[in-house]
Amino acid sequence: MRSYFKTAFYLVALLSLSLARAGSYEDFFQAVRQDDGRTITQLLQRGFDPNALDPNKTPGLFIAVREGSLKAAEALIAWPKTQVEWRSPKDESPLMLAALKGHKEIVRKLIARDADVNKTGWTPLHYAATGGHVEIIQILLDEYAYIDAESPNKSTPLMMAAKYGTPAAVKLLLEAGADPNLRNELGLSAIEFAQQGNRRDSAEMIAAAIRAAHPKGKW
């Protein structure tokens, strides 16, 4: 009889723990989407796994950055057990999304947690250049981001800035030493990227940089 009650006690305790975790799971992802950093911190202090995946197999930090829940993102980044280098099926990291969306302080905090500035393939610098975010480009360059990083099709951050970003982003990359003569696997140069995007100012800026490097017009 004593063994029976002992077993029943453990079953009830296990069921209660499972229900508590289930409730925490729902509360956690709701807090992420509602940008409720305080609730997230409380759940983490109670033992909730900061790297738990939602039904779409995505962790809270990635969701928070993607959806602009910056208080939630800050709470997760501040928690030492949070993995900041999770990658999506598209090989995107939280740092890449923060760079694309212009979340400067999140970029700083992620880098402080050793987020990978120079991952292979598409990089945070590609994403910052695509968004035209000059301050974030400079932050990444200050952290030794490779300025002519090649995407899987060999497109560079300068090419992305030329077509999708801003003239200011193009200017910064050129001044920082980006090579305007490189071509991707399709044979396209940064000037042609700018032309495809109808970015006349950027195309002229890149052409001027090439002329300055070849003053006698041999290019």
C-alpha atoms as a PDB file:
ATOM      1  CA  MET A   1       0.000   0.000   0.000  1.00  0.00           C
ATOM      2  CA  ARG A   2       2.815   2.368   0.868  1.00  0.00           C
ATOM      3  CA  SER A   3       4.432   1.646  -2.512  1.00  0.00           C
ATOM      4  CA  TYR A   4       1.118   2.418  -4.238  1.00  0.00           C
ATOM      5  CA  PHE A   5       0.813   5.842  -2.595  1.00  0.00           C
ATOM      6  CA  LYS A   6       4.449   6.608  -3.371  1.00  0.00           C
ATOM      7  CA  THR A   7       3.929   5.785  -7.043  1.00  0.00           C
ATOM      8  CA  ALA A   8       0.716   7.812  -7.144  1.00  0.00           C
ATOM      9  CA  PHE A   9       2.505  10.768  -5.577  1.00  0.00           C
ATOM     10  CA  TYR A  10       5.231  10.719  -8.232  1.00  0.00           C
ATOM     11  CA  LEU A  11       2.668  10.443 -11.016  1.00  0.00           C
ATOM     12  CA  VAL A  12       0.760  13.452  -9.705  1.00  0.00           C
ATOM     13  CA  ALA A  13       3.994  15.425  -9.323  1.00  0.00           C
ATOM     14  CA  LEU A  14       5.070  14.510 -12.851  1.00  0.00           C
ATOM     15  CA  LEU A  15       1.677  15.466 -14.267  1.00  0.00           C
ATOM     16  CA  SER A  16       1.752  18.794 -12.423  1.00  0.00           C
ATOM     17  CA  LEU A  17       5.243  19.521 -13.727  1.00  0.00           C
ATOM     18  CA  SER A  18       4.203  18.658 -17.280  1.00  0.00           C
ATOM     19  CA  LEU A  19       1.165  20.929 -17.070  1.00  0.00           C
ATOM     20  CA  ALA A  20       3.274  23.753 -15.637  1.00  0.00           C
ATOM     21  CA  ARG A  21       5.785  23.406 -18.448  1.00  0.00           C
ATOM     22  CA  ALA A  22       3.002  23.336 -21.031  1.00  0.00           C
ATOM     23  CA  GLY A  23       1.591  26.539 -19.568  1.00  0.00           C
ATOM     24  CA  SER A  24       5.035  28.131 -19.485  1.00  0.00           C
ATOM     25  CA  TYR A  25       5.572  27.136 -23.119  1.00  0.00           C
ATOM     26  CA  GLU A  26       2.429  28.953 -24.230  1.00  0.00           C
ATOM     27  CA  ASP A  27       3.147  31.916 -21.965  1.00  0.00           C
ATOM     28  CA  PHE A  28       6.700  32.197 -23.268  1.00  0.00           C
ATOM     29  CA  PHE A  29       5.868  32.424 -26.951  1.00  0.00           C
ATOM     30  CA  GLN A  30       2.907  34.694 -26.254  1.00  0.00           C
ATOM     31  CA  ALA A  31       5.264  36.999 -24.325  1.00  0.00           C
ATOM     32  CA  VAL A  32       7.716  36.972 -27.225  1.00  0.00           C
ATOM     33  CA  ARG A  33       5.054  38.062 -29.684  1.00  0.00           C
ATOM     34  CA  GLN A  34       3.632  40.655 -27.293  1.00  0.00           C
ATOM     35  CA  ASP A  35       7.124  42.038 -26.626  1.00  0.00           C
ATOM     36  CA  ASP A  36       6.806  41.332 -22.912  1.00  0.00           C
ATOM     37  CA  GLY A  37      10.399  41.181 -21.762  1.00  0.00           C
ATOM     38  CA  ARG A  38       9.475  41.138 -18.079  1.00  0.00           C
ATOM     39  CA  THR A  39       7.397  37.970 -18.373  1.00  0.00           C
ATOM     40  CA  ILE A  40      10.127  36.312 -20.417  1.00  0.00           C
ATOM     41  CA  THR A  41      12.706  37.050 -17.733  1.00  0.00           C
ATOM     42  CA  GLN A  42      10.399  35.696 -15.034  1.00  0.00           C
ATOM     43  CA  LEU A  43       9.868  32.472 -16.979  1.00  0.00           C
ATOM     44  CA  LEU A  44      13.588  32.073 -17.528  1.00  0.00           C
ATOM     45  CA  GLN A  45      14.250  32.603 -13.828  1.00  0.00           C
ATOM     46  CA  ARG A  46      11.766  29.824 -13.100  1.00  0.00           C
ATOM     47  CA  GLY A  47      13.754  27.469 -15.319  1.00  0.00           C
ATOM     48  CA  PHE A  48      12.130  27.757 -18.736  1.00  0.00           C
ATOM     49  CA  ASP A  49      14.458  26.839 -21.600  1.00  0.00           C
ATOM     50  CA  PRO A  50      15.294  30.021 -23.555  1.00  0.00           C
ATOM     51  CA  ASN A  51      16.076  27.893 -26.609  1.00  0.00           C
ATOM     52  CA  ALA A  52      12.719  26.118 -26.761  1.00  0.00           C
ATOM     53  CA  LEU A  53      11.261  25.909 -30.267  1.00  0.00           C
ATOM     54  CA  ASP A  54       7.740  26.942 -31.198  1.00  0.00           C
ATOM     55  CA  PRO A  55       5.503  24.603 -33.263  1.00  0.00           C
ATOM     56  CA  ASN A  56       7.294  25.879 -36.384  1.00  0.00           C
ATOM     57  CA  LYS A  57      10.637  24.845 -34.829  1.00  0.00           C
ATOM     58  CA  THR A  58      11.789  28.437 -34.334  1.00  0.00           C
ATOM     59  CA  PRO A  59      13.312  29.774 -31.101  1.00  0.00           C
ATOM     60  CA  GLY A  60      12.022  32.820 -29.288  1.00  0.00           C
ATOM     61  CA  LEU A  61      15.021  35.037 -30.019  1.00  0.00           C
ATOM     62  CA  PHE A  62      14.696  34.613 -33.765  1.00  0.00           C
ATOM     63  CA  ILE A  63      10.953  35.289 -33.593  1.00  0.00           C
ATOM     64  CA  ALA A  64      11.486  38.375 -31.444  1.00  0.00           C
ATOM     65  CA  VAL A  65      14.008  39.926 -33.831  1.00  0.00           C
ATOM     66  CA  ARG A  66      11.970  38.988 -36.892  1.00  0.00           C
ATOM     67  CA  GLU A  67       8.787  40.534 -35.506  1.00  0.00           C
ATOM     68  CA  GLY A  68      10.372  43.600 -33.939  1.00  0.00           C
ATOM     69  CA  SER A  69       9.746  42.522 -30.338  1.00  0.00           C
ATOM     70  CA  LEU A  70      12.861  44.308 -29.162  1.00  0.00           C
ATOM     71  CA  LYS A  71      12.225  44.150 -25.394  1.00  0.00           C
ATOM     72  CA  ALA A  72      11.712  40.416 -25.727  1.00  0.00           C
ATOM     73  CA  ALA A  73      14.877  40.115 -27.798  1.00  0.00           C
ATOM     74  CA  GLU A  74      16.884  42.090 -25.227  1.00  0.00           C
ATOM     75  CA  ALA A  75      15.609  39.889 -22.393  1.00  0.00           C
ATOM     76  CA  LEU A  76      16.642  36.756 -24.258  1.00  0.00           C
ATOM     77  CA  ILE A  77      20.030  38.105 -25.298  1.00  0.00           C
ATOM     78  CA  ALA A  78      20.726  39.112 -21.704  1.00  0.00           C
ATOM     79  CA  TRP A  79      20.047  35.560 -20.506  1.00  0.00           C
ATOM     80  CA  PRO A  80      23.392  33.697 -20.560  1.00  0.00           C
ATOM     81  CA  LYS A  81      21.941  30.347 -21.662  1.00  0.00           C
ATOM     82  CA  THR A  82      20.287  31.746 -24.787  1.00  0.00           C
ATOM     83  CA  GLN A  83      21.888  30.472 -27.978  1.00  0.00           C
ATOM     84  CA  VAL A  84      22.383  33.509 -30.193  1.00  0.00           C
ATOM     85  CA  GLU A  85      23.740  31.567 -33.190  1.00  0.00           C
ATOM     86  CA  TRP A  86      20.669  29.556 -34.147  1.00  0.00           C
ATOM     87  CA  ARG A  87      20.199  29.311 -37.926  1.00  0.00           C
ATOM     88  CA  SER A  88      16.954  29.066 -39.849  1.00  0.00           C
ATOM     89  CA  PRO A  89      16.466  26.640 -42.765  1.00  0.00           C
ATOM     90  CA  LYS A  90      17.505  29.606 -44.957  1.00  0.00           C
ATOM     91  CA  ASP A  91      20.737  29.905 -42.929  1.00  0.00           C
ATOM     92  CA  GLU A  92      19.628  33.187 -41.373  1.00  0.00           C
ATOM     93  CA  SER A  93      20.755  34.143 -37.875  1.00  0.00           C
ATOM     94  CA  PRO A  94      19.221  36.615 -35.409  1.00  0.00           C
ATOM     95  CA  LEU A  95      22.134  38.976 -36.131  1.00  0.00           C
ATOM     96  CA  MET A  96      21.361  38.902 -39.848  1.00  0.00           C
ATOM     97  CA  LEU A  97      17.715  39.796 -39.257  1.00  0.00           C
ATOM     98  CA  ALA A  98      18.635  42.561 -36.832  1.00  0.00           C
ATOM     99  CA  ALA A  99      21.053  43.978 -39.422  1.00  0.00           C
ATOM    100  CA  LEU A 100      18.431  43.836 -42.173  1.00  0.00           C
ATOM    101  CA  LYS A 101      15.732  45.481 -40.068  1.00  0.00           C
ATOM    102  CA  GLY A 102      17.967  48.224 -38.681  1.00  0.00           C
ATOM    103  CA  HIS A 103      17.841  47.184 -35.008  1.00  0.00           C
ATOM    104  CA  LYS A 104      21.137  48.814 -34.107  1.00  0.00           C
ATOM    105  CA  GLU A 105      21.151  48.131 -30.367  1.00  0.00           C
ATOM    106  CA  ILE A 106      20.129  44.519 -30.885  1.00  0.00           C
ATOM    107  CA  VAL A 107      23.036  44.184 -33.322  1.00  0.00           C
ATOM    108  CA  ARG A 108      25.407  45.539 -30.668  1.00  0.00           C
ATOM    109  CA  LYS A 109      24.051  43.224 -27.980  1.00  0.00           C
ATOM    110  CA  LEU A 110      24.216  40.158 -30.211  1.00  0.00           C
ATOM    111  CA  ILE A 111      27.804  40.901 -31.175  1.00  0.00           C
ATOM    112  CA  ALA A 112      28.643  41.329 -27.482  1.00  0.00           C
ATOM    113  CA  ARG A 113      27.304  37.782 -27.032  1.00  0.00           C
ATOM    114  CA  ASP A 114      29.698  36.574 -29.777  1.00  0.00           C
ATOM    115  CA  ALA A 115      27.180  36.313 -32.591  1.00  0.00           C
ATOM    116  CA  ASP A 116      29.039  35.375 -35.774  1.00  0.00           C
ATOM    117  CA  VAL A 117      29.841  38.484 -37.813  1.00  0.00           C
ATOM    118  CA  ASN A 118      31.647  36.517 -40.522  1.00  0.00           C
ATOM    119  CA  LYS A 119      29.527  33.423 -41.037  1.00  0.00           C
ATOM    120  CA  THR A 120      29.869  31.704 -44.403  1.00  0.00           C
ATOM    121  CA  GLY A 121      27.334  32.351 -47.165  1.00  0.00           C
ATOM    122  CA  TRP A 122      25.065  35.335 -46.733  1.00  0.00           C
ATOM    123  CA  THR A 123      26.419  37.475 -43.917  1.00  0.00           C
ATOM    124  CA  PRO A 124      25.106  40.149 -41.560  1.00  0.00           C
ATOM    125  CA  LEU A 125      26.956  42.703 -43.695  1.00  0.00           C
ATOM    126  CA  HIS A 126      25.033  41.609 -46.801  1.00  0.00           C
ATOM    127  CA  TYR A 127      21.809  42.101 -44.862  1.00  0.00           C
ATOM    128  CA  ALA A 128      22.780  45.489 -43.432  1.00  0.00           C
ATOM    129  CA  ALA A 129      23.793  46.642 -46.922  1.00  0.00           C
ATOM    130  CA  THR A 130      20.491  45.406 -48.369  1.00  0.00           C
ATOM    131  CA  GLY A 131      18.632  47.486 -45.796  1.00  0.00           C
ATOM    132  CA  GLY A 132      20.896  50.479 -46.388  1.00  0.00           C
ATOM    133  CA  HIS A 133      21.605  50.799 -42.667  1.00  0.00           C
ATOM    134  CA  VAL A 134      24.810  52.838 -42.558  1.00  0.00           C
ATOM    135  CA  GLU A 135      25.310  52.750 -38.790  1.00  0.00           C
ATOM    136  CA  ILE A 136      24.981  48.988 -38.686  1.00  0.00           C
ATOM    137  CA  ILE A 137      27.324  48.581 -41.650  1.00  0.00           C
ATOM    138  CA  GLN A 138      29.888  50.621 -39.729  1.00  0.00           C
ATOM    139  CA  ILE A 139      29.357  48.574 -36.562  1.00  0.00           C
ATOM    140  CA  LEU A 140      29.961  45.363 -38.504  1.00  0.00           C
ATOM    141  CA  LEU A 141      33.033  46.761 -40.242  1.00  0.00           C
ATOM    142  CA  ASP A 142      34.387  47.862 -36.860  1.00  0.00           C
ATOM    143  CA  GLU A 143      33.970  44.232 -35.782  1.00  0.00           C
ATOM    144  CA  TYR A 144      36.099  43.113 -38.747  1.00  0.00           C
ATOM    145  CA  ALA A 145      33.293  42.010 -41.039  1.00  0.00           C
ATOM    146  CA  TYR A 146      34.815  40.989 -44.372  1.00  0.00           C
ATOM    147  CA  ILE A 147      33.818  43.790 -46.706  1.00  0.00           C
ATOM    148  CA  ASP A 148      33.824  41.725 -49.914  1.00  0.00           C
ATOM    149  CA  ALA A 149      32.146  38.657 -48.415  1.00  0.00           C
ATOM    150  CA  GLU A 150      30.663  36.397 -51.081  1.00  0.00           C
ATOM    151  CA  SER A 151      27.161  34.989 -50.878  1.00  0.00           C
ATOM    152  CA  PRO A 152      26.541  31.494 -52.296  1.00  0.00           C
ATOM    153  CA  ASN A 153      26.232  33.105 -55.760  1.00  0.00           C
ATOM    154  CA  LYS A 154      29.246  35.361 -55.060  1.00  0.00           C
ATOM    155  CA  SER A 155      27.242  38.569 -54.638  1.00  0.00           C
ATOM    156  CA  THR A 156      28.932  41.070 -52.320  1.00  0.00           C
ATOM    157  CA  PRO A 157      27.547  43.549 -49.784  1.00  0.00           C
ATOM    158  CA  LEU A 158      28.344  46.380 -52.225  1.00  0.00           C
ATOM    159  CA  MET A 159      26.178  44.741 -54.883  1.00  0.00           C
ATOM    160  CA  MET A 160      23.291  44.410 -52.421  1.00  0.00           C
ATOM    161  CA  ALA A 161      23.636  48.036 -51.319  1.00  0.00           C
ATOM    162  CA  ALA A 162      23.762  49.146 -54.947  1.00  0.00           C
ATOM    163  CA  LYS A 163      20.468  47.485 -55.895  1.00  0.00           C
ATOM    164  CA  TYR A 164      18.464  47.462 -52.678  1.00  0.00           C
ATOM    165  CA  GLY A 165      20.156  49.792 -50.189  1.00  0.00           C
ATOM    166  CA  THR A 166      20.949  53.481 -50.287  1.00  0.00           C
ATOM    167  CA  PRO A 167      23.602  55.718 -51.879  1.00  0.00           C
ATOM    168  CA  ALA A 168      24.889  56.392 -48.363  1.00  0.00           C
ATOM    169  CA  ALA A 169      25.464  52.672 -47.833  1.00  0.00           C
ATOM    170  CA  VAL A 170      27.227  52.418 -51.195  1.00  0.00           C
ATOM    171  CA  LYS A 171      29.393  55.405 -50.329  1.00  0.00           C
ATOM    172  CA  LEU A 172      30.413  53.964 -46.977  1.00  0.00           C
ATOM    173  CA  LEU A 173      31.320  50.582 -48.440  1.00  0.00           C
ATOM    174  CA  LEU A 174      33.359  52.151 -51.240  1.00  0.00           C
ATOM    175  CA  GLU A 175      35.195  54.422 -48.818  1.00  0.00           C
ATOM    176  CA  ALA A 176      35.881  51.429 -46.568  1.00  0.00           C
ATOM    177  CA  GLY A 177      37.539  49.597 -49.458  1.00  0.00           C
ATOM    178  CA  ALA A 178      34.851  47.476 -51.117  1.00  0.00           C
ATOM    179  CA  ASP A 179      35.980  46.260 -54.549  1.00  0.00           C
ATOM    180  CA  PRO A 180      33.647  47.712 -57.220  1.00  0.00           C
ATOM    181  CA  ASN A 181      35.084  45.461 -59.941  1.00  0.00           C
ATOM    182  CA  LEU A 182      33.956  42.113 -58.567  1.00  0.00           C
ATOM    183  CA  ARG A 183      31.314  40.083 -60.380  1.00  0.00           C
ATOM    184  CA  ASN A 184      28.980  37.384 -59.139  1.00  0.00           C
ATOM    185  CA  GLU A 185      28.317  34.003 -60.718  1.00  0.00           C
ATOM    186  CA  LEU A 186      25.970  35.606 -63.244  1.00  0.00           C
ATOM    187  CA  GLY A 187      28.741  37.963 -64.314  1.00  0.00           C
ATOM    188  CA  LEU A 188      27.029  41.000 -62.795  1.00  0.00           C
ATOM    189  CA  SER A 189      29.025  43.837 -61.244  1.00  0.00           C
ATOM    190  CA  ALA A 190      27.932  46.332 -58.593  1.00  0.00           C
ATOM    191  CA  ILE A 191      27.207  48.914 -61.317  1.00  0.00           C
ATOM    192  CA  GLU A 192      24.891  46.470 -63.066  1.00  0.00           C
ATOM    193  CA  PHE A 193      23.165  45.733 -59.760  1.00  0.00           C
ATOM    194  CA  ALA A 194      22.564  49.465 -59.364  1.00  0.00           C
ATOM    195  CA  GLN A 195      21.256  49.729 -62.919  1.00  0.00           C
ATOM    196  CA  GLN A 196      18.864  46.819 -62.349  1.00  0.00           C
ATOM    197  CA  GLY A 197      17.511  48.632 -59.313  1.00  0.00           C
ATOM    198  CA  ASN A 198      17.249  51.967 -61.152  1.00  0.00           C
ATOM    199  CA  ARG A 199      19.701  53.446 -58.644  1.00  0.00           C
ATOM    200  CA  ARG A 200      21.361  56.042 -60.821  1.00  0.00           C
ATOM    201  CA  ASP A 201      23.155  57.819 -57.966  1.00  0.00           C
ATOM    202  CA  SER A 202      24.681  54.576 -56.782  1.00  0.00           C
ATOM    203  CA  ALA A 203      25.723  53.541 -60.285  1.00  0.00           C
ATOM    204  CA  GLU A 204      27.446  56.885 -60.843  1.00  0.00           C
ATOM    205  CA  MET A 205      29.186  56.652 -57.473  1.00  0.00           C
ATOM    206  CA  ILE A 206      30.533  53.190 -58.271  1.00  0.00           C
ATOM    207  CA  ALA A 207      31.658  54.281 -61.731  1.00  0.00           C
ATOM    208  CA  ALA A 208      33.481  57.235 -60.198  1.00  0.00           C
ATOM    209  CA  ALA A 209      35.248  54.908 -57.764  1.00  0.00           C
ATOM    210  CA  ILE A 210      36.418  52.710 -60.647  1.00  0.00           C
ATOM    211  CA  ARG A 211      37.653  55.730 -62.596  1.00  0.00           C
ATOM    212  CA  ALA A 212      39.512  57.011 -59.553  1.00  0.00           C
ATOM    213  CA  ALA A 213      41.287  53.677 -59.252  1.00  0.00           C
ATOM    214  CA  HIS A 214      42.158  53.768 -62.970  1.00  0.00           C
ATOM    215  CA  PRO A 215      42.825  57.453 -63.745  1.00  0.00           C
ATOM    216  CA  LYS A 216      43.867  56.757 -67.334  1.00  0.00           C
ATOM    217  CA  GLY A 217      40.564  55.084 -68.124  1.00  0.00           C
ATOM    218  CA  LYS A 218      42.028  51.579 -68.445  1.00  0.00           C
ATOM    219  CA  TRP A 219      39.150  49.640 -66.907  1.00  0.00           C
END
